[in-house]
Amino acid sequence: MKIKGTPSSVPEVDMTPMIDIVFQLIAFFMVITNFEQTEADERIKLPKDALAKPPEVQRKHAIVVNIGFRNGADGEADLEQPFVFMGVEELHPDQVRQQLMQEALFYKAMEVPTEEVTVEIRADARVKAGYIQELMQTCQEQDIGLTRFALKATQKSTF
């Protein structure tokens, strides 16, 4: 007696739930990832330092101030006058004080003492130190009252 074998069929696996889970994991990790460079600006070339280390914990209350140079039509930086970039705004040095006052008033309205607010200064390596000192003095003025500072630099490779 001849036994007829049924052709073996490979069971089909529905991949839709697996693809859904992969997309959910991607979205989850994108949300929880610390986007440290969100305040970064391509016009700023941070100085390199062997001692530069990223902060161990993220600052709760921070004002990020980028100081760099405007790029000309040829794509090269115009090194004549540094500009301050706060968010999407490009400020002249005389406009910085007003913007810092607004930031300080915001934190005061949120009932956060200005002593707990850190001003993160991301300055281009070609900006003169005197300009950064002037900015720090402006922050410390009586009506602004910002006294905590952090300067950003990139870590120099030891290789």
N, C-alpha and C. Protein backbone atom coordinates (compact mmCIF):
# COMPACT_ATOMS: atom_id res chain seq x y z
N MET A 1 0.84 -1.15 0.00
CA MET A 1 0.00 0.00 0.00
C MET A 1 0.90 1.24 0.00
N LYS A 2 0.58 2.09 -0.87
CA LYS A 2 1.38 3.28 -1.04
C LYS A 2 0.77 4.41 -0.19
N ILE A 3 1.64 5.01 0.63
CA ILE A 3 1.16 6.09 1.49
C ILE A 3 1.51 7.41 0.82
N LYS A 4 0.48 8.19 0.64
CA LYS A 4 0.72 9.49 0.02
C LYS A 4 1.16 10.47 1.10
N GLY A 5 2.27 11.08 0.86
CA GLY A 5 2.76 12.09 1.80
C GLY A 5 2.17 13.46 1.44
N THR A 6 1.81 14.14 2.43
CA THR A 6 1.31 15.50 2.17
C THR A 6 2.53 16.41 2.00
N PRO A 7 2.45 17.26 1.07
CA PRO A 7 3.60 18.15 0.89
C PRO A 7 3.78 19.01 2.14
N SER A 8 5.01 19.08 2.56
CA SER A 8 5.26 19.85 3.78
C SER A 8 5.12 21.34 3.46
N SER A 9 4.36 21.97 4.28
CA SER A 9 4.17 23.41 4.06
C SER A 9 4.87 24.16 5.20
N VAL A 10 5.55 25.17 4.80
CA VAL A 10 6.24 25.99 5.78
C VAL A 10 5.21 26.96 6.36
N PRO A 11 5.10 26.96 7.68
CA PRO A 11 4.11 27.88 8.26
C PRO A 11 4.56 29.33 8.04
N GLU A 12 3.62 30.15 7.67
CA GLU A 12 3.94 31.56 7.44
C GLU A 12 3.83 32.32 8.75
N VAL A 13 4.81 33.15 8.96
CA VAL A 13 4.83 33.95 10.17
C VAL A 13 4.41 35.38 9.80
N ASP A 14 3.48 35.90 10.56
CA ASP A 14 3.03 37.26 10.33
C ASP A 14 4.06 38.21 10.94
N MET A 15 4.72 38.99 10.11
CA MET A 15 5.80 39.87 10.56
C MET A 15 5.29 41.24 11.03
N THR A 16 4.03 41.53 10.82
CA THR A 16 3.50 42.85 11.17
C THR A 16 3.70 43.20 12.65
N PRO A 17 3.36 42.32 13.60
CA PRO A 17 3.58 42.70 15.01
C PRO A 17 5.06 42.93 15.34
N MET A 18 5.94 42.15 14.72
CA MET A 18 7.36 42.32 15.00
C MET A 18 7.86 43.67 14.46
N ILE A 19 7.40 44.05 13.29
CA ILE A 19 7.79 45.34 12.72
C ILE A 19 7.24 46.47 13.58
N ASP A 20 6.02 46.32 14.06
CA ASP A 20 5.44 47.33 14.95
C ASP A 20 6.28 47.51 16.21
N ILE A 21 6.71 46.42 16.79
CA ILE A 21 7.51 46.50 18.02
C ILE A 21 8.85 47.16 17.74
N VAL A 22 9.46 46.84 16.62
CA VAL A 22 10.74 47.47 16.27
C VAL A 22 10.58 48.98 16.13
N PHE A 23 9.52 49.41 15.45
CA PHE A 23 9.29 50.86 15.31
C PHE A 23 9.00 51.51 16.65
N GLN A 24 8.29 50.83 17.52
CA GLN A 24 8.02 51.38 18.85
C GLN A 24 9.31 51.50 19.66
N LEU A 25 10.20 50.51 19.55
CA LEU A 25 11.48 50.59 20.25
C LEU A 25 12.33 51.74 19.72
N ILE A 26 12.33 51.91 18.41
CA ILE A 26 13.10 53.02 17.84
C ILE A 26 12.57 54.34 18.36
N ALA A 27 11.25 54.50 18.35
CA ALA A 27 10.65 55.74 18.85
C ALA A 27 10.96 55.93 20.34
N PHE A 28 10.89 54.86 21.11
CA PHE A 28 11.16 54.94 22.54
C PHE A 28 12.58 55.41 22.80
N PHE A 29 13.56 54.81 22.13
CA PHE A 29 14.95 55.19 22.37
C PHE A 29 15.25 56.59 21.85
N MET A 30 14.57 57.03 20.81
CA MET A 30 14.77 58.40 20.35
C MET A 30 14.24 59.39 21.37
N VAL A 31 13.15 59.05 22.05
CA VAL A 31 12.57 59.96 23.03
C VAL A 31 13.43 60.04 24.28
N ILE A 32 13.95 58.90 24.75
CA ILE A 32 14.69 58.93 26.01
C ILE A 32 16.16 59.29 25.84
N THR A 33 16.64 59.33 24.61
CA THR A 33 18.04 59.68 24.37
C THR A 33 18.26 61.14 24.73
N ASN A 34 19.37 61.39 25.38
CA ASN A 34 19.72 62.76 25.74
C ASN A 34 20.31 63.43 24.51
N PHE A 35 19.59 64.38 23.97
CA PHE A 35 20.06 65.10 22.79
C PHE A 35 20.93 66.26 23.26
N GLU A 36 22.17 65.99 23.56
CA GLU A 36 23.08 67.02 24.08
C GLU A 36 23.34 68.11 23.06
N GLN A 37 23.31 67.76 21.80
CA GLN A 37 23.66 68.75 20.79
C GLN A 37 22.47 69.53 20.27
N THR A 38 21.33 69.50 20.97
CA THR A 38 20.17 70.25 20.50
C THR A 38 20.43 71.73 20.49
N GLU A 39 21.29 72.20 21.35
CA GLU A 39 21.61 73.62 21.40
C GLU A 39 22.85 73.92 20.57
N ALA A 40 23.36 72.93 19.87
CA ALA A 40 24.59 73.12 19.11
C ALA A 40 24.31 74.00 17.89
N ASP A 41 25.32 74.66 17.45
CA ASP A 41 25.23 75.54 16.29
C ASP A 41 26.44 75.26 15.42
N GLU A 42 26.21 75.03 14.13
CA GLU A 42 27.32 74.67 13.25
C GLU A 42 28.28 75.82 13.01
N ARG A 43 27.89 77.05 13.36
CA ARG A 43 28.77 78.20 13.18
C ARG A 43 29.81 78.29 14.29
N ILE A 44 29.71 77.42 15.28
CA ILE A 44 30.61 77.49 16.43
C ILE A 44 31.53 76.28 16.44
N LYS A 45 32.81 76.54 16.44
CA LYS A 45 33.82 75.49 16.55
C LYS A 45 34.35 75.55 17.97
N LEU A 46 33.91 74.63 18.81
CA LEU A 46 34.31 74.64 20.22
C LEU A 46 35.80 74.39 20.37
N PRO A 47 36.43 74.99 21.37
CA PRO A 47 37.85 74.71 21.62
C PRO A 47 38.04 73.27 22.08
N LYS A 48 39.20 72.73 21.82
CA LYS A 48 39.52 71.37 22.25
C LYS A 48 40.38 71.44 23.50
N ASP A 49 40.06 70.57 24.46
CA ASP A 49 40.79 70.57 25.73
C ASP A 49 40.85 69.14 26.24
N ALA A 50 42.00 68.74 26.74
CA ALA A 50 42.16 67.38 27.26
C ALA A 50 41.36 67.17 28.54
N LEU A 51 41.08 68.24 29.27
CA LEU A 51 40.37 68.12 30.54
C LEU A 51 38.86 68.28 30.39
N ALA A 52 38.38 68.57 29.20
CA ALA A 52 36.94 68.78 29.00
C ALA A 52 36.19 67.46 29.17
N LYS A 53 35.17 67.48 29.99
CA LYS A 53 34.33 66.31 30.20
C LYS A 53 32.88 66.75 30.20
N PRO A 54 32.00 65.92 29.65
CA PRO A 54 30.58 66.29 29.70
C PRO A 54 30.07 66.21 31.13
N PRO A 55 29.04 66.99 31.46
CA PRO A 55 28.52 66.94 32.83
C PRO A 55 27.96 65.55 33.13
N GLU A 56 28.14 65.12 34.37
CA GLU A 56 27.66 63.79 34.75
C GLU A 56 26.14 63.73 34.83
N VAL A 57 25.54 64.82 35.25
CA VAL A 57 24.08 64.90 35.27
C VAL A 57 23.66 66.13 34.47
N GLN A 58 22.51 66.01 33.83
CA GLN A 58 22.03 67.13 33.04
C GLN A 58 21.54 68.25 33.96
N ARG A 59 21.88 69.45 33.60
CA ARG A 59 21.47 70.60 34.41
C ARG A 59 19.97 70.82 34.27
N LYS A 60 19.33 71.06 35.41
CA LYS A 60 17.88 71.21 35.41
C LYS A 60 17.45 72.56 34.84
N HIS A 61 18.13 73.61 35.24
CA HIS A 61 17.80 74.96 34.79
C HIS A 61 19.03 75.54 34.11
N ALA A 62 18.96 75.69 32.80
CA ALA A 62 20.13 76.18 32.06
C ALA A 62 19.70 77.13 30.95
N ILE A 63 20.52 78.12 30.73
CA ILE A 63 20.37 79.04 29.61
C ILE A 63 21.60 78.82 28.73
N VAL A 64 21.38 78.41 27.49
CA VAL A 64 22.50 78.14 26.59
C VAL A 64 22.75 79.37 25.73
N VAL A 65 23.99 79.84 25.78
CA VAL A 65 24.40 81.01 25.00
C VAL A 65 25.51 80.56 24.05
N ASN A 66 25.26 80.65 22.75
CA ASN A 66 26.25 80.31 21.74
C ASN A 66 26.90 81.60 21.25
N ILE A 67 28.23 81.63 21.22
CA ILE A 67 28.95 82.80 20.72
C ILE A 67 29.81 82.34 19.55
N GLY A 68 29.57 82.92 18.40
CA GLY A 68 30.31 82.52 17.22
C GLY A 68 30.33 83.63 16.20
N PHE A 69 30.60 83.25 14.97
CA PHE A 69 30.73 84.22 13.89
C PHE A 69 29.73 83.90 12.79
N ARG A 70 29.24 84.94 12.16
CA ARG A 70 28.33 84.78 11.04
C ARG A 70 29.14 84.33 9.83
N ASN A 71 28.59 83.40 9.06
CA ASN A 71 29.27 82.93 7.85
C ASN A 71 28.96 83.87 6.69
N GLY A 72 29.98 84.16 5.91
CA GLY A 72 29.81 85.02 4.74
C GLY A 72 29.24 84.24 3.57
N ALA A 73 29.15 84.90 2.42
CA ALA A 73 28.61 84.27 1.22
C ALA A 73 29.47 83.11 0.75
N ASP A 74 30.77 83.18 1.03
CA ASP A 74 31.67 82.11 0.61
C ASP A 74 31.71 80.95 1.60
N GLY A 75 30.95 81.05 2.68
CA GLY A 75 30.91 79.98 3.68
C GLY A 75 31.94 80.11 4.77
N GLU A 76 32.85 81.07 4.62
CA GLU A 76 33.88 81.30 5.63
C GLU A 76 33.34 82.21 6.73
N ALA A 77 33.83 82.01 7.93
CA ALA A 77 33.39 82.82 9.07
C ALA A 77 33.93 84.24 8.96
N ASP A 78 33.07 85.20 9.24
CA ASP A 78 33.46 86.61 9.29
C ASP A 78 33.97 86.89 10.69
N LEU A 79 35.28 86.97 10.87
CA LEU A 79 35.90 87.06 12.19
C LEU A 79 35.93 88.48 12.75
N GLU A 80 35.28 89.42 12.08
CA GLU A 80 35.29 90.81 12.55
C GLU A 80 34.54 90.96 13.87
N GLN A 81 33.30 90.52 13.90
CA GLN A 81 32.44 90.77 15.05
C GLN A 81 31.76 89.47 15.47
N PRO A 82 31.97 89.02 16.71
CA PRO A 82 31.25 87.83 17.16
C PRO A 82 29.78 88.16 17.41
N PHE A 83 28.94 87.17 17.22
CA PHE A 83 27.51 87.31 17.48
C PHE A 83 27.10 86.29 18.52
N VAL A 84 26.03 86.60 19.21
CA VAL A 84 25.48 85.69 20.20
C VAL A 84 24.24 85.05 19.59
N PHE A 85 24.18 83.73 19.66
CA PHE A 85 23.04 82.99 19.14
C PHE A 85 22.34 82.34 20.33
N MET A 86 21.11 82.77 20.58
CA MET A 86 20.31 82.17 21.66
C MET A 86 19.07 81.59 21.01
N GLY A 87 18.99 80.26 20.99
CA GLY A 87 17.88 79.62 20.27
C GLY A 87 18.04 79.89 18.79
N VAL A 88 17.01 80.43 18.17
CA VAL A 88 17.08 80.74 16.74
C VAL A 88 17.44 82.20 16.51
N GLU A 89 17.55 82.98 17.58
CA GLU A 89 17.82 84.40 17.46
C GLU A 89 19.32 84.68 17.36
N GLU A 90 19.66 85.59 16.46
CA GLU A 90 21.03 86.07 16.32
C GLU A 90 21.07 87.47 16.90
N LEU A 91 21.82 87.65 17.98
CA LEU A 91 21.81 88.91 18.70
C LEU A 91 23.13 89.65 18.56
N HIS A 92 23.04 90.96 18.44
CA HIS A 92 24.22 91.81 18.51
C HIS A 92 24.61 91.92 19.98
N PRO A 93 25.85 92.25 20.28
CA PRO A 93 26.28 92.33 21.68
C PRO A 93 25.42 93.26 22.54
N ASP A 94 24.88 94.34 21.95
CA ASP A 94 24.06 95.25 22.74
C ASP A 94 22.65 94.71 23.01
N GLN A 95 22.23 93.67 22.30
CA GLN A 95 20.91 93.07 22.51
C GLN A 95 20.94 91.93 23.53
N VAL A 96 22.11 91.47 23.88
CA VAL A 96 22.25 90.30 24.75
C VAL A 96 21.69 90.59 26.14
N ARG A 97 21.96 91.76 26.64
CA ARG A 97 21.52 92.12 28.00
C ARG A 97 20.00 92.00 28.13
N GLN A 98 19.27 92.51 27.14
CA GLN A 98 17.80 92.45 27.18
C GLN A 98 17.32 91.00 27.15
N GLN A 99 17.94 90.16 26.34
CA GLN A 99 17.53 88.75 26.26
C GLN A 99 17.83 88.03 27.57
N LEU A 100 18.97 88.32 28.18
CA LEU A 100 19.30 87.70 29.47
C LEU A 100 18.34 88.15 30.56
N MET A 101 17.91 89.41 30.51
CA MET A 101 16.93 89.89 31.48
C MET A 101 15.61 89.13 31.33
N GLN A 102 15.20 88.88 30.09
CA GLN A 102 13.97 88.12 29.85
C GLN A 102 14.09 86.70 30.38
N GLU A 103 15.24 86.08 30.16
CA GLU A 103 15.46 84.72 30.67
C GLU A 103 15.42 84.70 32.20
N ALA A 104 16.07 85.68 32.83
CA ALA A 104 16.07 85.75 34.30
C ALA A 104 14.66 85.98 34.83
N LEU A 105 13.88 86.84 34.17
CA LEU A 105 12.49 87.08 34.58
C LEU A 105 11.65 85.82 34.44
N PHE A 106 11.92 85.04 33.39
CA PHE A 106 11.19 83.78 33.20
C PHE A 106 11.42 82.84 34.38
N TYR A 107 12.68 82.68 34.78
CA TYR A 107 12.98 81.79 35.90
C TYR A 107 12.44 82.34 37.21
N LYS A 108 12.45 83.64 37.37
CA LYS A 108 11.86 84.23 38.59
C LYS A 108 10.36 83.99 38.62
N ALA A 109 9.70 84.08 37.46
CA ALA A 109 8.26 83.82 37.39
C ALA A 109 7.95 82.35 37.69
N MET A 110 8.88 81.47 37.36
CA MET A 110 8.72 80.04 37.65
C MET A 110 9.13 79.72 39.08
N GLU A 111 9.50 80.75 39.85
CA GLU A 111 9.92 80.64 41.24
C GLU A 111 11.18 79.79 41.39
N VAL A 112 12.08 79.93 40.41
CA VAL A 112 13.39 79.28 40.47
C VAL A 112 14.40 80.36 40.81
N PRO A 113 15.12 80.22 41.92
CA PRO A 113 16.13 81.24 42.26
C PRO A 113 17.19 81.33 41.17
N THR A 114 17.61 82.54 40.86
CA THR A 114 18.61 82.70 39.79
C THR A 114 19.94 82.07 40.17
N GLU A 115 20.16 81.80 41.45
CA GLU A 115 21.39 81.12 41.87
C GLU A 115 21.42 79.67 41.38
N GLU A 116 20.26 79.10 41.06
CA GLU A 116 20.19 77.71 40.59
C GLU A 116 20.23 77.61 39.07
N VAL A 117 20.20 78.73 38.38
CA VAL A 117 20.21 78.74 36.92
C VAL A 117 21.65 78.82 36.44
N THR A 118 22.03 77.91 35.54
CA THR A 118 23.38 77.88 34.99
C THR A 118 23.37 78.47 33.59
N VAL A 119 24.29 79.36 33.32
CA VAL A 119 24.47 79.91 31.98
C VAL A 119 25.55 79.07 31.30
N GLU A 120 25.15 78.29 30.30
CA GLU A 120 26.10 77.45 29.56
C GLU A 120 26.60 78.26 28.37
N ILE A 121 27.88 78.56 28.38
CA ILE A 121 28.48 79.37 27.32
C ILE A 121 29.22 78.44 26.36
N ARG A 122 28.75 78.42 25.12
CA ARG A 122 29.40 77.65 24.05
C ARG A 122 30.03 78.66 23.11
N ALA A 123 31.31 78.93 23.29
CA ALA A 123 31.98 79.96 22.50
C ALA A 123 32.92 79.33 21.48
N ASP A 124 32.94 79.92 20.32
CA ASP A 124 33.88 79.52 19.28
C ASP A 124 35.30 79.71 19.81
N ALA A 125 36.20 78.84 19.39
CA ALA A 125 37.59 78.89 19.87
C ALA A 125 38.27 80.20 19.46
N ARG A 126 37.78 80.86 18.42
CA ARG A 126 38.41 82.09 17.92
C ARG A 126 37.87 83.36 18.59
N VAL A 127 36.86 83.21 19.46
CA VAL A 127 36.31 84.38 20.17
C VAL A 127 37.30 84.79 21.26
N LYS A 128 37.53 86.07 21.38
CA LYS A 128 38.49 86.57 22.38
C LYS A 128 37.93 86.38 23.78
N ALA A 129 38.81 86.05 24.71
CA ALA A 129 38.40 85.79 26.09
C ALA A 129 37.76 87.02 26.73
N GLY A 130 38.19 88.20 26.34
CA GLY A 130 37.62 89.43 26.89
C GLY A 130 36.13 89.55 26.59
N TYR A 131 35.72 89.09 25.42
CA TYR A 131 34.30 89.14 25.06
C TYR A 131 33.48 88.23 25.96
N ILE A 132 34.02 87.06 26.27
CA ILE A 132 33.32 86.13 27.16
C ILE A 132 33.26 86.70 28.57
N GLN A 133 34.32 87.36 29.00
CA GLN A 133 34.32 88.00 30.33
C GLN A 133 33.26 89.09 30.40
N GLU A 134 33.11 89.86 29.34
CA GLU A 134 32.07 90.90 29.30
C GLU A 134 30.68 90.28 29.41
N LEU A 135 30.48 89.17 28.71
CA LEU A 135 29.19 88.48 28.78
C LEU A 135 28.92 87.99 30.20
N MET A 136 29.93 87.45 30.85
CA MET A 136 29.76 86.97 32.22
C MET A 136 29.46 88.14 33.17
N GLN A 137 30.11 89.26 32.96
CA GLN A 137 29.83 90.44 33.79
C GLN A 137 28.40 90.93 33.58
N THR A 138 27.93 90.87 32.34
CA THR A 138 26.55 91.27 32.05
C THR A 138 25.58 90.35 32.79
N CYS A 139 25.86 89.06 32.80
CA CYS A 139 24.99 88.11 33.50
C CYS A 139 24.94 88.40 35.00
N GLN A 140 26.04 88.87 35.55
CA GLN A 140 26.13 89.08 36.99
C GLN A 140 25.59 90.43 37.45
N GLU A 141 25.15 91.26 36.53
CA GLU A 141 24.63 92.58 36.91
C GLU A 141 23.44 92.43 37.84
N GLN A 142 23.20 93.45 38.63
CA GLN A 142 22.20 93.42 39.70
C GLN A 142 20.81 93.02 39.21
N ASP A 143 20.35 93.59 38.10
CA ASP A 143 18.99 93.31 37.65
C ASP A 143 18.85 91.98 36.93
N ILE A 144 19.95 91.32 36.60
CA ILE A 144 19.89 89.99 35.97
C ILE A 144 20.18 88.92 37.01
N GLY A 145 21.31 88.98 37.67
CA GLY A 145 21.62 88.12 38.80
C GLY A 145 21.96 86.67 38.49
N LEU A 146 22.46 86.38 37.30
CA LEU A 146 22.87 85.01 36.96
C LEU A 146 24.34 84.86 37.32
N THR A 147 24.65 83.92 38.22
CA THR A 147 26.02 83.82 38.73
C THR A 147 26.66 82.45 38.52
N ARG A 148 25.94 81.47 38.00
CA ARG A 148 26.53 80.15 37.74
C ARG A 148 26.83 80.02 36.25
N PHE A 149 28.04 79.54 35.96
CA PHE A 149 28.46 79.45 34.58
C PHE A 149 29.06 78.08 34.29
N ALA A 150 28.91 77.64 33.06
CA ALA A 150 29.57 76.43 32.57
C ALA A 150 30.05 76.75 31.16
N LEU A 151 31.31 76.45 30.89
CA LEU A 151 31.87 76.69 29.57
C LEU A 151 32.00 75.35 28.86
N LYS A 152 31.62 75.32 27.60
CA LYS A 152 31.66 74.08 26.84
C LYS A 152 32.92 74.01 25.99
N ALA A 153 33.47 72.81 25.90
CA ALA A 153 34.60 72.54 25.02
C ALA A 153 34.48 71.08 24.59
N THR A 154 35.14 70.74 23.50
CA THR A 154 35.14 69.34 23.08
C THR A 154 36.37 68.67 23.67
N GLN A 155 36.23 67.40 23.94
CA GLN A 155 37.32 66.66 24.57
C GLN A 155 38.38 66.33 23.53
N LYS A 156 39.61 66.69 23.83
CA LYS A 156 40.72 66.43 22.92
C LYS A 156 41.08 64.96 23.01
N SER A 157 41.22 64.35 21.88
CA SER A 157 41.59 62.94 21.84
C SER A 157 43.05 62.78 22.27
N THR A 158 43.33 61.73 23.01
CA THR A 158 44.70 61.50 23.50
C THR A 158 45.51 60.64 22.54
N PHE A 159 44.92 60.28 21.41
CA PHE A 159 45.64 59.45 20.45
C PHE A 159 46.36 60.28 19.44
